[in-house]
Structure formats: structure tokens, C-alpha cells
N, C-alpha and C. Protein backbone atom coordinates (compact mmCIF):
# COMPACT_ATOMS: atom_id res chain seq x y z
N UNK A 1 17.77 40.90 9.33
CA UNK A 1 18.54 39.45 9.46
C UNK A 1 18.86 38.78 10.37
N UNK A 2 20.25 38.79 10.98
CA UNK A 2 20.86 38.11 12.00
C UNK A 2 21.39 39.38 13.01
N UNK A 3 20.49 40.21 13.29
CA UNK A 3 20.71 41.35 14.11
C UNK A 3 20.24 41.04 15.50
N UNK A 4 19.83 39.90 15.71
CA UNK A 4 19.09 39.88 17.04
C UNK A 4 17.22 39.98 17.38
N UNK A 5 16.92 40.48 15.90
CA UNK A 5 15.80 40.69 16.42
C UNK A 5 14.81 39.82 16.41
N UNK A 6 13.65 39.86 16.52
CA UNK A 6 12.49 38.82 16.78
C UNK A 6 11.79 38.73 15.75
N UNK A 7 10.71 37.47 16.04
CA UNK A 7 10.20 37.19 15.22
C UNK A 7 8.86 36.50 16.03
N UNK A 8 7.92 36.72 16.08
CA UNK A 8 6.86 35.98 16.80
C UNK A 8 7.45 35.59 18.07
N UNK A 9 7.95 36.66 18.84
CA UNK A 9 8.60 36.67 20.27
C UNK A 9 9.69 35.79 20.63
N UNK A 10 10.44 35.24 19.28
CA UNK A 10 11.46 34.52 19.52
C UNK A 10 12.62 35.01 18.80
N UNK A 11 13.85 34.62 18.81
CA UNK A 11 14.78 34.86 18.31
C UNK A 11 14.71 34.58 16.65
N UNK A 12 15.66 35.83 16.00
CA UNK A 12 15.56 35.23 14.22
C UNK A 12 16.58 34.18 14.58
N UNK A 13 16.68 33.67 13.16
CA UNK A 13 17.94 32.60 12.66
C UNK A 13 17.45 31.28 12.48
N UNK A 14 18.19 30.50 12.51
CA UNK A 14 17.77 29.16 12.32
C UNK A 14 17.25 27.96 13.53
N UNK A 15 16.19 27.84 13.07
CA UNK A 15 15.63 26.50 13.68
C UNK A 15 16.33 25.32 13.73
N UNK A 16 17.10 24.98 15.42
CA UNK A 16 18.30 23.78 14.97
C UNK A 16 17.42 22.85 15.92
N UNK A 17 16.23 23.07 16.04
CA UNK A 17 15.69 21.50 16.60
C UNK A 17 15.31 20.64 16.00
N UNK A 18 15.28 19.29 16.61
CA UNK A 18 15.37 17.87 15.93
C UNK A 18 13.80 17.87 15.21
N UNK A 19 12.92 18.31 15.29
CA UNK A 19 11.81 18.32 14.85
C UNK A 19 11.82 19.15 13.46
N UNK A 20 12.36 20.65 13.46
CA UNK A 20 12.53 21.15 12.35
C UNK A 20 13.56 20.57 11.18
N UNK A 21 14.70 20.19 12.05
CA UNK A 21 15.71 19.78 11.16
C UNK A 21 15.16 18.09 10.39
N UNK A 22 14.72 17.09 11.39
CA UNK A 22 14.80 15.88 10.88
C UNK A 22 13.30 15.62 10.55
N UNK A 23 12.47 16.33 11.02
CA UNK A 23 10.80 15.90 10.58
C UNK A 23 10.14 16.71 9.51
N UNK A 24 10.32 18.11 9.85
CA UNK A 24 9.77 19.09 9.02
C UNK A 24 10.32 19.42 7.93
N UNK A 25 11.70 19.06 7.59
CA UNK A 25 12.64 19.12 6.35
C UNK A 25 12.85 18.03 5.73
N UNK A 26 12.18 17.99 4.44
CA UNK A 26 12.35 16.67 3.73
C UNK A 26 13.40 16.13 3.36
N UNK A 27 14.78 16.93 3.42
CA UNK A 27 16.08 16.70 3.24
C UNK A 27 16.34 15.74 4.49
N UNK A 28 16.18 16.59 5.56
CA UNK A 28 16.86 16.22 6.80
C UNK A 28 15.98 15.13 7.11
N UNK A 29 14.71 14.88 7.20
CA UNK A 29 14.14 13.76 7.35
C UNK A 29 14.67 12.73 6.58
N UNK A 30 15.04 12.50 5.58
CA UNK A 30 15.65 11.27 4.77
C UNK A 30 16.97 11.19 4.84
N UNK A 31 17.99 11.87 5.39
CA UNK A 31 19.08 11.85 5.63
C UNK A 31 19.08 10.99 6.77
N UNK A 32 18.30 11.54 7.89
CA UNK A 32 18.12 10.68 9.37
C UNK A 32 17.66 9.88 9.35
N UNK A 33 16.71 9.48 8.30
CA UNK A 33 16.29 8.15 8.20
C UNK A 33 17.36 6.75 7.50
N UNK A 34 18.10 7.39 6.54
CA UNK A 34 19.38 6.77 5.95
C UNK A 34 20.03 6.40 7.49
N UNK A 35 20.35 7.44 7.89
CA UNK A 35 21.35 7.13 8.76
C UNK A 35 20.95 6.07 9.89
N UNK A 36 19.76 5.98 10.04
CA UNK A 36 19.02 5.43 11.03
C UNK A 36 19.00 3.52 10.60
N UNK A 37 19.09 3.36 9.39
CA UNK A 37 18.84 2.64 8.28
C UNK A 37 20.16 2.03 8.51
N UNK A 38 21.11 2.50 8.31
CA UNK A 38 22.41 2.19 7.93
C UNK A 38 23.33 1.87 9.64
N UNK A 39 23.01 2.12 10.89
CA UNK A 39 23.43 1.99 12.01
C UNK A 39 22.99 0.38 12.25
N UNK A 40 23.55 -0.33 12.76
CA UNK A 40 23.14 -1.59 12.88
C UNK A 40 22.08 -1.56 14.59
N UNK A 41 22.52 -0.69 15.20
CA UNK A 41 21.79 -0.53 16.56
C UNK A 41 20.85 0.35 16.45
N UNK A 42 20.36 0.95 15.45
CA UNK A 42 19.53 2.24 15.41
C UNK A 42 18.47 1.51 14.17
N UNK A 43 18.48 0.18 13.09
CA UNK A 43 17.89 0.12 12.51
C UNK A 43 16.57 0.17 12.73
N UNK A 44 16.29 -0.70 14.03
CA UNK A 44 14.77 -0.80 14.49
C UNK A 44 14.38 0.67 14.68
N UNK A 45 14.88 1.63 15.06
CA UNK A 45 14.29 2.85 15.25
C UNK A 45 13.79 3.31 14.08
N UNK A 46 14.60 3.06 12.99
CA UNK A 46 14.51 4.16 11.97
C UNK A 46 12.93 3.01 11.28
N UNK A 47 13.02 1.85 11.30
CA UNK A 47 11.86 0.80 10.94
C UNK A 47 10.50 1.25 11.48
N UNK A 48 10.71 1.47 13.15
CA UNK A 48 9.59 1.80 14.06
C UNK A 48 9.04 3.31 13.41
N UNK A 49 9.74 4.10 13.14
CA UNK A 49 9.61 5.52 12.30
C UNK A 49 8.87 5.76 11.01
N UNK A 50 9.12 4.43 10.17
CA UNK A 50 8.66 4.32 9.00
C UNK A 50 7.07 3.59 9.18
N UNK A 51 7.07 2.70 10.18
CA UNK A 51 5.58 2.32 10.34
C UNK A 51 4.58 3.14 11.42
N UNK A 52 5.08 3.99 11.88
CA UNK A 52 4.44 5.08 12.48
C UNK A 52 3.62 6.07 11.70
N UNK A 53 4.86 6.15 10.86
CA UNK A 53 3.99 7.15 9.61
C UNK A 53 2.78 6.10 8.71
N UNK A 54 3.25 5.10 8.49
CA UNK A 54 2.04 4.41 8.03
C UNK A 54 0.95 4.16 8.54
N UNK A 55 0.98 4.27 10.01
CA UNK A 55 -0.03 3.93 10.68
C UNK A 55 -0.77 5.39 11.09
N UNK A 56 -0.01 6.48 10.95
CA UNK A 56 -0.95 7.59 10.74
C UNK A 56 -1.94 7.98 9.49
N UNK A 57 -1.51 7.03 8.39
CA UNK A 57 -2.20 7.24 7.41
C UNK A 57 -3.16 6.12 7.12
N UNK A 58 -3.10 5.07 7.94
CA UNK A 58 -4.15 4.28 7.98
C UNK A 58 -5.80 4.56 7.86
N UNK A 59 -6.84 3.77 7.46
CA UNK A 59 -7.85 4.20 7.73
C UNK A 59 -8.29 3.62 9.05
N UNK A 60 -9.43 4.43 9.80
CA UNK A 60 -9.88 4.23 11.18
C UNK A 60 -10.13 2.85 11.08
N UNK A 61 -10.57 1.93 10.31
CA UNK A 61 -10.97 0.74 10.72
C UNK A 61 -9.91 -0.25 10.51
N UNK A 62 -8.78 0.09 9.87
CA UNK A 62 -7.34 -0.57 10.00
C UNK A 62 -6.42 -0.47 11.27
N UNK A 63 -6.86 0.72 11.69
CA UNK A 63 -5.94 0.91 13.16
C UNK A 63 -5.62 0.26 14.02
N UNK A 64 -6.59 -0.80 14.70
CA UNK A 64 -6.46 -1.48 15.67
C UNK A 64 -5.20 -2.66 15.02
N UNK A 65 -5.78 -3.21 13.90
CA UNK A 65 -4.56 -4.42 13.68
C UNK A 65 -3.21 -3.75 13.44
N UNK A 66 -3.13 -2.66 12.72
CA UNK A 66 -2.09 -2.10 12.55
C UNK A 66 -1.14 -1.74 13.90
N UNK A 67 -2.04 -1.34 14.73
CA UNK A 67 -1.40 -1.11 16.17
C UNK A 67 -0.90 -2.29 16.75
N UNK A 68 -1.80 -3.28 16.73
CA UNK A 68 -1.42 -4.81 17.38
C UNK A 68 -0.13 -5.28 16.59
N UNK A 69 0.20 -5.35 15.60
CA UNK A 69 1.03 -5.42 14.75
C UNK A 69 2.76 -4.56 14.99
N UNK A 70 2.43 -3.12 15.22
CA UNK A 70 3.35 -2.29 15.82
C UNK A 70 3.56 -2.82 16.95
N UNK A 71 2.96 -3.02 17.96
CA UNK A 71 3.36 -3.53 19.80
C UNK A 71 4.15 -4.76 19.48
N UNK A 72 3.24 -5.89 18.69
CA UNK A 72 4.21 -7.03 18.60
C UNK A 72 5.57 -6.88 17.87
N UNK A 73 5.85 -6.29 16.95
CA UNK A 73 7.18 -6.02 16.40
C UNK A 73 8.09 -5.24 16.84
N UNK A 74 7.62 -3.99 17.70
CA UNK A 74 8.66 -3.30 18.05
C UNK A 74 8.66 -3.08 19.90
N UNK A 75 7.60 -3.12 20.54
CA UNK A 75 7.44 -3.00 22.11
C UNK A 75 7.41 -4.18 22.74
N UNK A 76 7.26 -5.15 22.30
CA UNK A 76 7.12 -6.52 22.99
C UNK A 76 8.71 -7.34 22.86
N UNK A 77 9.52 -7.37 24.24
CA UNK A 77 10.44 -8.09 24.23
C UNK A 77 10.73 -9.49 23.78
N UNK A 78 11.53 -9.32 22.81
CA UNK A 78 11.61 -10.75 22.01
C UNK A 78 10.91 -10.34 20.56
N UNK A 79 10.54 -9.38 20.20
CA UNK A 79 9.58 -9.30 19.26
C UNK A 79 10.56 -8.91 17.88
N UNK A 80 10.25 -9.14 16.76
CA UNK A 80 11.16 -8.96 15.60
C UNK A 80 12.16 -7.72 15.55
N UNK A 81 11.72 -6.70 16.00
CA UNK A 81 12.80 -5.66 16.23
C UNK A 81 12.18 -4.64 17.39
N UNK A 82 12.57 -5.46 18.65
CA UNK A 82 12.02 -4.88 19.81
C UNK A 82 13.01 -3.35 19.98
N UNK A 83 12.43 -2.43 20.26
CA UNK A 83 12.87 -1.13 20.89
C UNK A 83 13.15 -0.73 22.11
N UNK A 84 14.18 -1.94 22.84
CA UNK A 84 14.17 -1.80 24.09
C UNK A 84 14.79 -0.37 25.05
N UNK A 85 14.96 0.81 23.77
CA UNK A 85 15.30 1.98 24.15
C UNK A 85 14.07 2.85 24.94
N UNK A 86 12.77 2.39 24.47
CA UNK A 86 11.81 3.26 24.66
C UNK A 86 11.00 2.72 26.30
N UNK A 87 10.83 4.22 26.76
CA UNK A 87 10.49 3.85 27.88
C UNK A 87 8.99 3.17 28.12
N UNK A 88 8.63 2.66 29.06
CA UNK A 88 7.22 1.57 29.27
C UNK A 88 6.17 2.79 29.20
N UNK A 89 6.21 3.87 29.49
CA UNK A 89 5.09 4.98 29.30
C UNK A 89 4.90 5.08 27.79
N UNK A 90 5.69 4.96 26.81
CA UNK A 90 5.96 5.12 25.63
C UNK A 90 5.31 4.06 25.02
N UNK A 91 5.43 2.93 25.65
CA UNK A 91 4.96 1.39 25.05
C UNK A 91 3.42 0.87 25.31
N UNK A 92 3.02 1.55 26.49
CA UNK A 92 1.77 1.39 27.13
C UNK A 92 0.47 1.32 26.29
N UNK A 93 -0.58 0.64 26.58
CA UNK A 93 -1.87 0.61 25.70
C UNK A 93 -2.13 1.75 26.37
N UNK A 94 -2.90 2.61 25.38
CA UNK A 94 -3.91 4.17 25.68
C UNK A 94 -4.93 3.43 26.76
N UNK A 95 -5.38 4.43 27.71
CA UNK A 95 -6.06 3.93 28.70
C UNK A 95 -7.48 3.60 27.91
N UNK A 96 -8.12 2.69 28.54
CA UNK A 96 -9.30 1.92 28.11
C UNK A 96 -9.26 1.04 26.77
N UNK A 97 -8.12 0.82 26.37
CA UNK A 97 -7.99 -0.09 25.23
C UNK A 97 -7.34 -1.31 25.72
N UNK A 98 -8.15 -2.42 25.23
CA UNK A 98 -7.64 -4.01 25.48
C UNK A 98 -6.55 -4.17 25.04
N UNK A 99 -6.06 -5.28 26.20
CA UNK A 99 -4.83 -5.70 25.05
C UNK A 99 -5.19 -6.70 23.83
N UNK A 100 -4.66 -6.84 23.01
CA UNK A 100 -4.92 -7.82 21.83
C UNK A 100 -4.90 -9.32 22.16
């Protein structure tokens, strides 16, 4: 149990990472998304997360249009839900991709 043993080279015990608690665990994901949606300053981040998940499920032929919509809504200053907290590198076009 919790005697300090190892599993896969790491310590046994609970994983407390953000990824495990808020992305991989369904209840944690739901609660964190509700938190984002309920906080006025974080609502855009919650909407971005939902749209990025929808983008991941898009058919290949729909991705260019979906990516352009995401950039316009979340990454462009003055956009409907601009996420100004994101670094420029996070919102830059992938190498070789032409602007819309």
C-alpha cells in the first residue's frame, strides 16, 4: 500500500497531477470545467477547452475551418472570447500553415 514501495519506477500513491485529476478522471474533468464556466474571468478558458476537444473529434476535412474559427474566437485580440493569458507560441500558426 502506502509503505513507500515503487511501481514502474515511481512512488506508489495517488497521482496528484493536473492531467490525472482534471483531464483523465471524468469527475475531476467535469468539476474543473464547471469551475471554469462559473468564474467570469475563466469562462473563456472553459469554452476554449470544450472547443479544442471538439476539434480533436473533427474529420480531417473539417479541421482547417475549425482551426480558423478557434483562432478567430480565442486567439485574436478583440475576438469573442480572447484568451489573452496564452503565450504567443501557443497561438502561433503551425510551421508551413498559411494564415486564413
